[in-house]
Amino acid sequence: MCGRYNLYSSVELLLEQFELTNGDFIEFSPRFNIAPSQEVLSVVQGETGNRGGFLRWGLVPSWANDPKIGYKMINARAETINEKPSFKRLLARRRCLIVADGFYEWKKEGKQKTPFHIRLKNKLPFAFAGLWDRWDQNGTVLQSCTIITTEANELMKDIHERMPVILTKESESAWLDRSIQEEEFLKSLLVPYDSDEMEAYTISALVNSPKNEGIELIKSI
């Protein structure tokens, strides 16, 4: 699963890496403890190129009666994404990238949970595969998203059985391309990232509380 992550790269780097066409409208501060229900930087395909913006983390389907359902839908399983009613229709037309520098996972050993920070070895930002939807009822509009997860790669297996789908640069383009709607092809992009290009290390228990923030959260101990 993926329940907490961070994003602290400069806006300039993100504009370049994700080829955003609306960079003048994107403002955010470094975040080291992004949690569900918060606004997260996402990328979708626009009419003239990639557009960045903010979505609430925790998918609220357009047909939902209560937006609180989003708290239960922070993640979507890649294996069944084309079967679940909440995700099937979004797979064809509402795919997005969710931008991150790293994410957190907790290794369970008995009653103890040890937090880890996981990132790319090159320390560059990357994109989780995501889906988004628009909920509009009683004058309230909410645009929200979910992060897709898959089975753990060799690096992650010792920490947790699942991990978020991290897209390669090539698969990012295909994932955003709205002209591509073939389910099996799209599902073929949702695979574990190459563990040789990733690293994981233990960090302070400060990350356990979403209220804590700051660069000290990603320092190795």
C-alpha atoms as a PDB file:
ATOM      1  CA  MET A   1       0.000   0.000   0.000  1.00  0.00           C
ATOM      2  CA  CYS A   2       0.983   3.642   0.059  1.00  0.00           C
ATOM      3  CA  GLY A   3      -0.266   5.768   2.932  1.00  0.00           C
ATOM      4  CA  ARG A   4       2.316   8.518   3.289  1.00  0.00           C
ATOM      5  CA  TYR A   5       4.905  10.169   1.045  1.00  0.00           C
ATOM      6  CA  ASN A   6       6.879  13.362   0.415  1.00  0.00           C
ATOM      7  CA  LEU A   7       7.563  15.966  -2.262  1.00  0.00           C
ATOM      8  CA  TYR A   8      10.289  18.550  -1.773  1.00  0.00           C
ATOM      9  CA  SER A   9      11.908  19.096  -5.204  1.00  0.00           C
ATOM     10  CA  SER A  10      11.918  22.610  -6.613  1.00  0.00           C
ATOM     11  CA  VAL A  11       9.065  23.770  -8.815  1.00  0.00           C
ATOM     12  CA  GLU A  12      11.616  24.422 -11.568  1.00  0.00           C
ATOM     13  CA  LEU A  13      12.782  20.800 -11.552  1.00  0.00           C
ATOM     14  CA  LEU A  14       9.218  19.494 -11.571  1.00  0.00           C
ATOM     15  CA  LEU A  15       8.252  21.749 -14.478  1.00  0.00           C
ATOM     16  CA  GLU A  16      11.163  20.422 -16.504  1.00  0.00           C
ATOM     17  CA  GLN A  17      10.839  16.749 -15.599  1.00  0.00           C
ATOM     18  CA  PHE A  18       7.092  16.513 -16.148  1.00  0.00           C
ATOM     19  CA  GLU A  19       6.948  19.017 -19.029  1.00  0.00           C
ATOM     20  CA  LEU A  20       4.205  21.075 -17.434  1.00  0.00           C
ATOM     21  CA  THR A  21       2.647  23.807 -19.556  1.00  0.00           C
ATOM     22  CA  ASN A  22       1.039  25.738 -16.687  1.00  0.00           C
ATOM     23  CA  GLY A  23       3.966  26.142 -14.326  1.00  0.00           C
ATOM     24  CA  ASP A  24       3.170  29.769 -13.536  1.00  0.00           C
ATOM     25  CA  PHE A  25       0.083  28.617 -11.651  1.00  0.00           C
ATOM     26  CA  ILE A  26       1.746  25.995  -9.453  1.00  0.00           C
ATOM     27  CA  GLU A  27       2.774  27.036  -5.961  1.00  0.00           C
ATOM     28  CA  PHE A  28       3.618  24.702  -3.101  1.00  0.00           C
ATOM     29  CA  SER A  29       6.016  24.345  -0.200  1.00  0.00           C
ATOM     30  CA  PRO A  30       8.229  21.296   0.400  1.00  0.00           C
ATOM     31  CA  ARG A  31       6.189  18.577   2.099  1.00  0.00           C
ATOM     32  CA  PHE A  32       7.792  15.735   4.025  1.00  0.00           C
ATOM     33  CA  ASN A  33       4.697  14.009   5.407  1.00  0.00           C
ATOM     34  CA  ILE A  34       1.869  14.040   2.876  1.00  0.00           C
ATOM     35  CA  ALA A  35      -1.139  12.123   4.161  1.00  0.00           C
ATOM     36  CA  PRO A  36      -4.566  11.032   2.874  1.00  0.00           C
ATOM     37  CA  SER A  37      -7.256  13.741   2.580  1.00  0.00           C
ATOM     38  CA  GLN A  38      -4.618  16.363   1.737  1.00  0.00           C
ATOM     39  CA  GLU A  39      -4.171  18.151  -1.589  1.00  0.00           C
ATOM     40  CA  VAL A  40      -1.453  16.510  -3.705  1.00  0.00           C
ATOM     41  CA  LEU A  41       0.379  17.668  -6.824  1.00  0.00           C
ATOM     42  CA  SER A  42      -0.847  15.717  -9.840  1.00  0.00           C
ATOM     43  CA  VAL A  43      -0.404  15.793 -13.610  1.00  0.00           C
ATOM     44  CA  VAL A  44      -3.005  15.172 -16.323  1.00  0.00           C
ATOM     45  CA  GLN A  45      -2.944  15.485 -20.106  1.00  0.00           C
ATOM     46  CA  GLY A  46      -4.336  18.830 -21.250  1.00  0.00           C
ATOM     47  CA  GLU A  47      -5.251  20.095 -24.690  1.00  0.00           C
ATOM     48  CA  THR A  48      -1.789  21.571 -25.244  1.00  0.00           C
ATOM     49  CA  GLY A  49       0.379  19.341 -23.065  1.00  0.00           C
ATOM     50  CA  ASN A  50       0.783  18.173 -19.490  1.00  0.00           C
ATOM     51  CA  ARG A  51      -0.951  20.231 -16.820  1.00  0.00           C
ATOM     52  CA  GLY A  52      -0.158  20.236 -13.134  1.00  0.00           C
ATOM     53  CA  GLY A  53      -2.699  20.834 -10.404  1.00  0.00           C
ATOM     54  CA  PHE A  54      -3.919  19.631  -7.036  1.00  0.00           C
ATOM     55  CA  LEU A  55      -6.260  16.751  -6.209  1.00  0.00           C
ATOM     56  CA  ARG A  56      -7.443  15.533  -2.831  1.00  0.00           C
ATOM     57  CA  TRP A  57      -5.853  12.210  -1.940  1.00  0.00           C
ATOM     58  CA  GLY A  58      -8.633   9.681  -1.371  1.00  0.00           C
ATOM     59  CA  LEU A  59     -10.870   8.989  -4.353  1.00  0.00           C
ATOM     60  CA  VAL A  60     -14.498  10.096  -4.157  1.00  0.00           C
ATOM     61  CA  PRO A  61     -16.363   8.560  -7.137  1.00  0.00           C
ATOM     62  CA  SER A  62     -18.719  10.894  -8.993  1.00  0.00           C
ATOM     63  CA  TRP A  63     -21.665   8.685  -7.991  1.00  0.00           C
ATOM     64  CA  ALA A  64     -20.877   8.549  -4.257  1.00  0.00           C
ATOM     65  CA  ASN A  65     -23.499   9.785  -1.795  1.00  0.00           C
ATOM     66  CA  ASP A  66     -20.981  10.686   0.897  1.00  0.00           C
ATOM     67  CA  PRO A  67     -17.517  12.161   0.181  1.00  0.00           C
ATOM     68  CA  LYS A  68     -16.199  10.443   3.308  1.00  0.00           C
ATOM     69  CA  ILE A  69     -15.802   7.331   1.148  1.00  0.00           C
ATOM     70  CA  GLY A  70     -12.518   8.893   0.032  1.00  0.00           C
ATOM     71  CA  TYR A  71     -10.861   7.910   3.313  1.00  0.00           C
ATOM     72  CA  LYS A  72     -11.238   4.264   2.274  1.00  0.00           C
ATOM     73  CA  MET A  73      -9.986   4.765  -1.274  1.00  0.00           C
ATOM     74  CA  ILE A  74      -6.474   6.152  -1.013  1.00  0.00           C
ATOM     75  CA  ASN A  75      -5.150   3.136  -2.943  1.00  0.00           C
ATOM     76  CA  ALA A  76      -6.367   0.954  -5.824  1.00  0.00           C
ATOM     77  CA  ARG A  77      -4.994  -2.515  -6.575  1.00  0.00           C
ATOM     78  CA  ALA A  78      -3.487  -2.826 -10.056  1.00  0.00           C
ATOM     79  CA  GLU A  79      -4.612  -6.442 -10.359  1.00  0.00           C
ATOM     80  CA  THR A  80      -8.336  -5.626 -10.158  1.00  0.00           C
ATOM     81  CA  ILE A  81      -8.412  -2.048 -11.379  1.00  0.00           C
ATOM     82  CA  ASN A  82     -10.451  -2.912 -14.466  1.00  0.00           C
ATOM     83  CA  GLU A  83     -13.016  -4.849 -12.419  1.00  0.00           C
ATOM     84  CA  LYS A  84     -13.940  -2.570  -9.504  1.00  0.00           C
ATOM     85  CA  PRO A  85     -16.864  -0.206 -10.293  1.00  0.00           C
ATOM     86  CA  SER A  86     -15.068   2.743  -8.658  1.00  0.00           C
ATOM     87  CA  PHE A  87     -12.036   2.422 -10.924  1.00  0.00           C
ATOM     88  CA  LYS A  88     -13.009   0.628 -14.151  1.00  0.00           C
ATOM     89  CA  ARG A  89     -14.469   3.650 -15.964  1.00  0.00           C
ATOM     90  CA  LEU A  90     -11.629   5.903 -14.766  1.00  0.00           C
ATOM     91  CA  LEU A  91      -8.982   3.603 -16.232  1.00  0.00           C
ATOM     92  CA  ALA A  92     -10.092   4.580 -19.733  1.00  0.00           C
ATOM     93  CA  ARG A  93     -10.449   8.330 -19.310  1.00  0.00           C
ATOM     94  CA  ARG A  94      -9.198   9.733 -15.989  1.00  0.00           C
ATOM     95  CA  ARG A  95      -5.604   8.703 -15.429  1.00  0.00           C
ATOM     96  CA  CYS A  96      -3.074  10.929 -13.720  1.00  0.00           C
ATOM     97  CA  LEU A  97       0.442  11.096 -12.332  1.00  0.00           C
ATOM     98  CA  ILE A  98       0.931  11.834  -8.643  1.00  0.00           C
ATOM     99  CA  VAL A  99       4.325  13.442  -8.115  1.00  0.00           C
ATOM    100  CA  ALA A 100       6.677  12.401  -5.292  1.00  0.00           C
ATOM    101  CA  ASP A 101      10.299  12.372  -4.155  1.00  0.00           C
ATOM    102  CA  GLY A 102       9.918   9.394  -1.845  1.00  0.00           C
ATOM    103  CA  PHE A 103       7.426   7.394   0.177  1.00  0.00           C
ATOM    104  CA  TYR A 104       7.229   5.719   3.564  1.00  0.00           C
ATOM    105  CA  GLU A 105       6.460   2.184   4.612  1.00  0.00           C
ATOM    106  CA  TRP A 106       6.495   0.401   7.952  1.00  0.00           C
ATOM    107  CA  LYS A 107       8.066  -3.015   8.488  1.00  0.00           C
ATOM    108  CA  LYS A 108       6.192  -5.099  11.053  1.00  0.00           C
ATOM    109  CA  GLU A 109       8.217  -7.326  13.371  1.00  0.00           C
ATOM    110  CA  GLY A 110       6.004  -8.655  16.129  1.00  0.00           C
ATOM    111  CA  LYS A 111       4.421  -5.652  17.801  1.00  0.00           C
ATOM    112  CA  GLN A 112       7.089  -3.293  16.517  1.00  0.00           C
ATOM    113  CA  LYS A 113       6.823  -1.189  13.356  1.00  0.00           C
ATOM    114  CA  THR A 114       9.995   0.265  11.851  1.00  0.00           C
ATOM    115  CA  PRO A 115       9.544   3.164   9.400  1.00  0.00           C
ATOM    116  CA  PHE A 116      11.486   3.232   6.139  1.00  0.00           C
ATOM    117  CA  HIS A 117      12.009   5.947   3.550  1.00  0.00           C
ATOM    118  CA  ILE A 118      12.057   4.664  -0.032  1.00  0.00           C
ATOM    119  CA  ARG A 119      13.231   6.685  -3.033  1.00  0.00           C
ATOM    120  CA  LEU A 120      15.122   6.435  -6.317  1.00  0.00           C
ATOM    121  CA  LYS A 121      18.894   6.111  -6.071  1.00  0.00           C
ATOM    122  CA  ASN A 122      19.308   9.102  -8.376  1.00  0.00           C
ATOM    123  CA  LYS A 123      17.216  11.139  -5.883  1.00  0.00           C
ATOM    124  CA  LEU A 124      15.065  12.585  -8.663  1.00  0.00           C
ATOM    125  CA  PRO A 125      11.306  13.039  -8.313  1.00  0.00           C
ATOM    126  CA  PHE A 126       9.068  10.407  -9.875  1.00  0.00           C
ATOM    127  CA  ALA A 127       5.397   9.699 -10.525  1.00  0.00           C
ATOM    128  CA  PHE A 128       2.972   7.247  -8.986  1.00  0.00           C
ATOM    129  CA  ALA A 129       0.288   5.946 -11.344  1.00  0.00           C
ATOM    130  CA  GLY A 130      -3.052   7.371 -10.268  1.00  0.00           C
ATOM    131  CA  LEU A 131      -6.711   7.753 -11.158  1.00  0.00           C
ATOM    132  CA  TRP A 132      -8.883  10.780 -10.492  1.00  0.00           C
ATOM    133  CA  ASP A 133     -12.558  11.689 -10.472  1.00  0.00           C
ATOM    134  CA  ARG A 134     -14.820  14.720 -10.075  1.00  0.00           C
ATOM    135  CA  TRP A 135     -17.611  14.734  -7.474  1.00  0.00           C
ATOM    136  CA  ASP A 136     -20.243  17.452  -7.842  1.00  0.00           C
ATOM    137  CA  GLN A 137     -23.257  17.527  -5.548  1.00  0.00           C
ATOM    138  CA  ASN A 138     -25.295  20.265  -3.882  1.00  0.00           C
ATOM    139  CA  GLY A 139     -22.991  22.973  -5.162  1.00  0.00           C
ATOM    140  CA  THR A 140     -19.836  21.307  -3.818  1.00  0.00           C
ATOM    141  CA  VAL A 141     -17.167  20.205  -6.294  1.00  0.00           C
ATOM    142  CA  LEU A 142     -14.385  17.861  -5.236  1.00  0.00           C
ATOM    143  CA  GLN A 143     -11.613  16.527  -7.458  1.00  0.00           C
ATOM    144  CA  SER A 144      -9.817  13.600  -5.879  1.00  0.00           C
ATOM    145  CA  CYS A 145      -7.388  10.791  -6.669  1.00  0.00           C
ATOM    146  CA  THR A 146      -6.092   7.382  -5.671  1.00  0.00           C
ATOM    147  CA  ILE A 147      -2.604   5.863  -5.915  1.00  0.00           C
ATOM    148  CA  ILE A 148      -2.375   2.484  -7.647  1.00  0.00           C
ATOM    149  CA  THR A 149      -0.436  -0.276  -5.880  1.00  0.00           C
ATOM    150  CA  THR A 150       1.129  -3.520  -7.056  1.00  0.00           C
ATOM    151  CA  GLU A 151       3.091  -6.422  -5.599  1.00  0.00           C
ATOM    152  CA  ALA A 152       6.395  -5.568  -3.947  1.00  0.00           C
ATOM    153  CA  ASN A 153       9.684  -5.748  -5.847  1.00  0.00           C
ATOM    154  CA  GLU A 154      12.801  -7.402  -4.386  1.00  0.00           C
ATOM    155  CA  LEU A 155      13.760  -4.290  -2.417  1.00  0.00           C
ATOM    156  CA  MET A 156      10.324  -3.866  -0.869  1.00  0.00           C
ATOM    157  CA  LYS A 157       9.516  -7.514  -0.127  1.00  0.00           C
ATOM    158  CA  ASP A 158      11.398  -7.437   3.159  1.00  0.00           C
ATOM    159  CA  ILE A 159       9.434  -4.346   4.260  1.00  0.00           C
ATOM    160  CA  HIS A 160       5.910  -4.817   2.918  1.00  0.00           C
ATOM    161  CA  GLU A 161       4.089  -7.109   0.493  1.00  0.00           C
ATOM    162  CA  ARG A 162       2.886  -4.231  -1.701  1.00  0.00           C
ATOM    163  CA  MET A 163       4.210  -0.965  -3.094  1.00  0.00           C
ATOM    164  CA  PRO A 164       2.911   1.986  -5.111  1.00  0.00           C
ATOM    165  CA  VAL A 165       3.230   1.780  -8.887  1.00  0.00           C
ATOM    166  CA  ILE A 166       6.113   4.022  -9.928  1.00  0.00           C
ATOM    167  CA  LEU A 167       6.043   4.716 -13.652  1.00  0.00           C
ATOM    168  CA  THR A 168       9.098   4.884 -15.903  1.00  0.00           C
ATOM    169  CA  LYS A 169       9.465   7.955 -18.101  1.00  0.00           C
ATOM    170  CA  GLU A 170       8.191   5.940 -21.069  1.00  0.00           C
ATOM    171  CA  SER A 171       5.168   4.587 -19.226  1.00  0.00           C
ATOM    172  CA  GLU A 172       4.338   8.053 -17.847  1.00  0.00           C
ATOM    173  CA  SER A 173       3.630   9.265 -21.376  1.00  0.00           C
ATOM    174  CA  ALA A 174       1.465   6.263 -22.216  1.00  0.00           C
ATOM    175  CA  TRP A 175      -0.417   6.491 -18.916  1.00  0.00           C
ATOM    176  CA  LEU A 176      -1.355  10.116 -19.563  1.00  0.00           C
ATOM    177  CA  ASP A 177      -2.280   9.570 -23.225  1.00  0.00           C
ATOM    178  CA  ARG A 178      -6.087   9.678 -23.275  1.00  0.00           C
ATOM    179  CA  SER A 179      -6.186   8.174 -26.763  1.00  0.00           C
ATOM    180  CA  ILE A 180      -4.982   4.885 -25.240  1.00  0.00           C
ATOM    181  CA  GLN A 181      -7.899   2.999 -23.697  1.00  0.00           C
ATOM    182  CA  GLU A 182      -6.988  -0.671 -24.120  1.00  0.00           C
ATOM    183  CA  GLU A 183      -7.299  -2.163 -20.641  1.00  0.00           C
ATOM    184  CA  GLU A 184      -4.720  -4.928 -20.914  1.00  0.00           C
ATOM    185  CA  PHE A 185      -2.087  -2.547 -22.269  1.00  0.00           C
ATOM    186  CA  LEU A 186      -2.758  -0.039 -19.496  1.00  0.00           C
ATOM    187  CA  LYS A 187      -2.565  -2.782 -16.882  1.00  0.00           C
ATOM    188  CA  SER A 188       0.771  -3.894 -18.351  1.00  0.00           C
ATOM    189  CA  LEU A 189       2.231  -0.551 -17.240  1.00  0.00           C
ATOM    190  CA  LEU A 190       1.277  -1.201 -13.610  1.00  0.00           C
ATOM    191  CA  VAL A 191       4.246  -3.332 -12.583  1.00  0.00           C
ATOM    192  CA  PRO A 192       6.811  -3.166  -9.756  1.00  0.00           C
ATOM    193  CA  TYR A 193       9.586  -0.652 -10.391  1.00  0.00           C
ATOM    194  CA  ASP A 194      13.145  -1.932 -10.910  1.00  0.00           C
ATOM    195  CA  SER A 195      14.504  -2.507  -7.412  1.00  0.00           C
ATOM    196  CA  ASP A 196      18.076  -1.897  -8.616  1.00  0.00           C
ATOM    197  CA  GLU A 197      17.144   1.748  -9.159  1.00  0.00           C
ATOM    198  CA  MET A 198      15.682   2.226  -5.682  1.00  0.00           C
ATOM    199  CA  GLU A 199      16.956   2.465  -2.124  1.00  0.00           C
ATOM    200  CA  ALA A 200      15.352   2.125   1.310  1.00  0.00           C
ATOM    201  CA  TYR A 201      16.637   3.049   4.757  1.00  0.00           C
ATOM    202  CA  THR A 202      15.299   3.317   8.295  1.00  0.00           C
ATOM    203  CA  ILE A 203      14.177   6.683   9.623  1.00  0.00           C
ATOM    204  CA  SER A 204      12.918   8.238  12.837  1.00  0.00           C
ATOM    205  CA  ALA A 205       9.549   7.358  14.346  1.00  0.00           C
ATOM    206  CA  LEU A 206       8.705  11.056  13.960  1.00  0.00           C
ATOM    207  CA  VAL A 207       7.112  10.112  10.638  1.00  0.00           C
ATOM    208  CA  ASN A 208       4.511   8.039  12.462  1.00  0.00           C
ATOM    209  CA  SER A 209       2.429  11.149  13.119  1.00  0.00           C
ATOM    210  CA  PRO A 210       1.092  13.064  10.105  1.00  0.00           C
ATOM    211  CA  LYS A 211       1.342  16.198  12.237  1.00  0.00           C
ATOM    212  CA  ASN A 212       5.140  16.108  12.076  1.00  0.00           C
ATOM    213  CA  GLU A 213       6.883  17.865   9.197  1.00  0.00           C
ATOM    214  CA  GLY A 214      10.413  18.774   8.119  1.00  0.00           C
ATOM    215  CA  ILE A 215      13.505  17.380   6.450  1.00  0.00           C
ATOM    216  CA  GLU A 216      14.475  15.503   9.607  1.00  0.00           C
ATOM    217  CA  LEU A 217      11.799  12.954   8.710  1.00  0.00           C
ATOM    218  CA  ILE A 218      13.893  11.568   5.850  1.00  0.00           C
ATOM    219  CA  LYS A 219      17.234  11.462   7.665  1.00  0.00           C
ATOM    220  CA  SER A 220      18.704   7.986   8.003  1.00  0.00           C
ATOM    221  CA  ILE A 221      19.209   6.576  11.496  1.00  0.00           C
END
